Amino acid sequence: MSPAETTAAPVTTGLSDRSRAIIAGLIKSGRARRVSEGQGHRLVDARGFVTLVKLVPAGGIYRVHRDGNMVLSGPDIVDVAPLQPGFIEAMARLGMPRQSAMEIPSSEPKSALAAICG
């Protein structure tokens, strides 16, 4: 993997803050890397998904929808299944900038503690 694949600026055009945070979390955790456009892929496909190459476990892909409310994983683009909400939330938290980690755009209802704290 070249340094450009892990350090290039994240895709931002047409993506929600939540989807950018999930993508950044998957990359930052070492679970995925971006697919470059030069490999025959568009960064955001016609269905609104960003495709990432899965590194852990090796092989397969992640597909993150542009609104961040759906993340799919599987061995290829045809055979994918949705990931559990808790995993998606963890990746969103990891990918958020430090100063706004408590203000994560979420599809989940706020917990009682989060409602009290802010």
Protein backbone atom coordinates (compact mmCIF):
# COMPACT_ATOMS: atom_id res chain seq x y z
CA MET A 1 0.00 0.00 0.00
CA SER A 2 1.46 3.35 -0.98
CA PRO A 3 1.53 6.28 1.48
CA ALA A 4 -0.79 8.21 -0.86
CA GLU A 5 -3.53 5.61 -0.34
CA THR A 6 -3.61 6.17 3.41
CA THR A 7 -2.75 9.86 3.66
CA ALA A 8 -4.69 11.34 0.75
CA ALA A 9 -7.44 13.77 1.69
CA PRO A 10 -10.78 12.05 2.34
CA VAL A 11 -13.52 12.11 -0.24
CA THR A 12 -15.89 14.96 0.63
CA THR A 13 -17.99 15.83 -2.43
CA GLY A 14 -21.60 14.81 -1.92
CA LEU A 15 -20.94 12.96 1.33
CA SER A 16 -22.51 13.66 4.70
CA ASP A 17 -20.36 14.39 7.78
CA ARG A 18 -21.44 11.02 9.13
CA SER A 19 -20.34 9.06 6.04
CA ARG A 20 -16.99 10.91 6.01
CA ALA A 21 -16.52 10.02 9.70
CA ILE A 22 -17.30 6.34 9.06
CA ILE A 23 -14.89 6.22 6.11
CA ALA A 24 -12.18 7.96 8.16
CA GLY A 25 -12.79 5.55 11.07
CA LEU A 26 -12.46 2.47 8.86
CA ILE A 27 -9.21 3.81 7.41
CA LYS A 28 -7.81 5.10 10.72
CA SER A 29 -8.49 1.74 12.42
CA GLY A 30 -6.57 -0.10 9.69
CA ARG A 31 -9.66 -2.02 8.61
CA ALA A 32 -9.84 -0.48 5.12
CA ARG A 33 -8.19 1.65 2.47
CA ARG A 34 -9.65 3.75 -0.31
CA VAL A 35 -10.00 2.45 -3.86
CA SER A 36 -8.40 4.88 -6.29
CA GLU A 37 -10.34 6.14 -9.31
CA GLY A 38 -7.52 4.91 -11.54
CA GLN A 39 -8.48 1.31 -10.75
CA GLY A 40 -11.71 1.68 -12.73
CA HIS A 41 -13.85 2.84 -9.79
CA ARG A 42 -15.59 6.15 -9.22
CA LEU A 43 -15.25 7.47 -5.69
CA VAL A 44 -19.06 7.62 -5.28
CA ASP A 45 -20.97 5.24 -7.53
CA ALA A 46 -24.36 5.73 -9.18
CA ARG A 47 -26.16 4.24 -6.16
CA GLY A 48 -24.46 6.66 -3.77
CA PHE A 49 -21.90 4.31 -2.22
CA VAL A 50 -18.19 4.75 -1.58
CA THR A 51 -16.30 1.46 -1.89
CA LEU A 52 -13.32 0.70 0.36
CA VAL A 53 -10.97 -2.29 0.21
CA LYS A 54 -11.27 -4.42 3.34
CA LEU A 55 -7.92 -5.07 5.05
CA VAL A 56 -9.04 -6.86 8.26
CA PRO A 57 -9.84 -9.63 7.63
CA ALA A 58 -7.98 -9.44 4.32
CA GLY A 59 -10.09 -9.40 1.20
CA GLY A 60 -13.54 -8.07 0.43
CA ILE A 61 -15.02 -4.60 0.50
CA TYR A 62 -16.91 -2.09 2.60
CA ARG A 63 -19.62 0.03 0.93
CA VAL A 64 -20.54 3.22 2.79
CA HIS A 65 -23.64 5.11 1.61
CA ARG A 66 -23.20 8.84 1.05
CA ASP A 67 -25.66 9.67 3.87
CA GLY A 68 -23.84 7.38 6.34
CA ASN A 69 -26.97 5.46 7.33
CA MET A 70 -25.95 2.23 5.60
CA VAL A 71 -22.64 0.36 5.60
CA LEU A 72 -22.35 -2.95 3.79
CA SER A 73 -19.55 -5.51 3.86
CA GLY A 74 -18.80 -8.63 1.87
CA PRO A 75 -16.44 -10.47 -0.42
CA ASP A 76 -17.50 -8.50 -3.52
CA ILE A 77 -19.94 -5.84 -4.74
CA VAL A 78 -22.76 -8.38 -5.25
CA ASP A 79 -22.55 -10.41 -2.03
CA VAL A 80 -22.74 -7.76 0.71
CA ALA A 81 -24.66 -7.54 3.97
CA PRO A 82 -25.36 -4.63 6.34
CA LEU A 83 -23.04 -4.16 9.32
CA GLN A 84 -24.31 -3.92 12.89
CA PRO A 85 -25.25 -0.40 14.07
CA GLY A 86 -22.84 -0.57 17.04
CA PHE A 87 -19.85 -1.19 14.75
CA ILE A 88 -20.93 1.65 12.44
CA GLU A 89 -21.28 4.03 15.41
CA ALA A 90 -17.81 3.03 16.69
CA MET A 91 -16.25 3.76 13.29
CA ALA A 92 -18.09 7.13 13.13
CA ARG A 93 -16.75 8.07 16.58
CA LEU A 94 -13.21 7.06 15.64
CA GLY A 95 -13.37 9.07 12.43
CA MET A 96 -14.74 12.28 13.96
CA PRO A 97 -12.37 15.17 14.65
CA ARG A 98 -11.31 15.20 18.32
CA GLN A 99 -13.05 18.44 19.30
CA SER A 100 -16.47 17.26 18.11
CA ALA A 101 -16.43 13.61 19.19
CA MET A 102 -19.46 14.19 21.46
CA GLU A 103 -21.48 15.63 18.57
CA ILE A 104 -21.54 12.57 16.34
CA PRO A 105 -24.23 12.66 13.66
CA SER A 106 -26.08 9.47 14.44
CA SER A 107 -28.99 7.44 13.19
CA GLU A 108 -29.34 6.00 16.70
CA PRO A 109 -31.45 7.71 19.40
CA LYS A 110 -29.37 9.46 22.06
CA SER A 111 -28.70 7.46 25.18
CA ALA A 112 -29.96 8.76 28.52
CA LEU A 113 -26.40 9.80 29.47
CA ALA A 114 -25.84 11.61 26.16
CA ALA A 115 -29.18 13.41 26.58
CA ILE A 116 -28.15 14.61 30.04
CA CYS A 117 -24.59 15.55 29.07
CA GLY A 118 -25.30 17.32 25.95
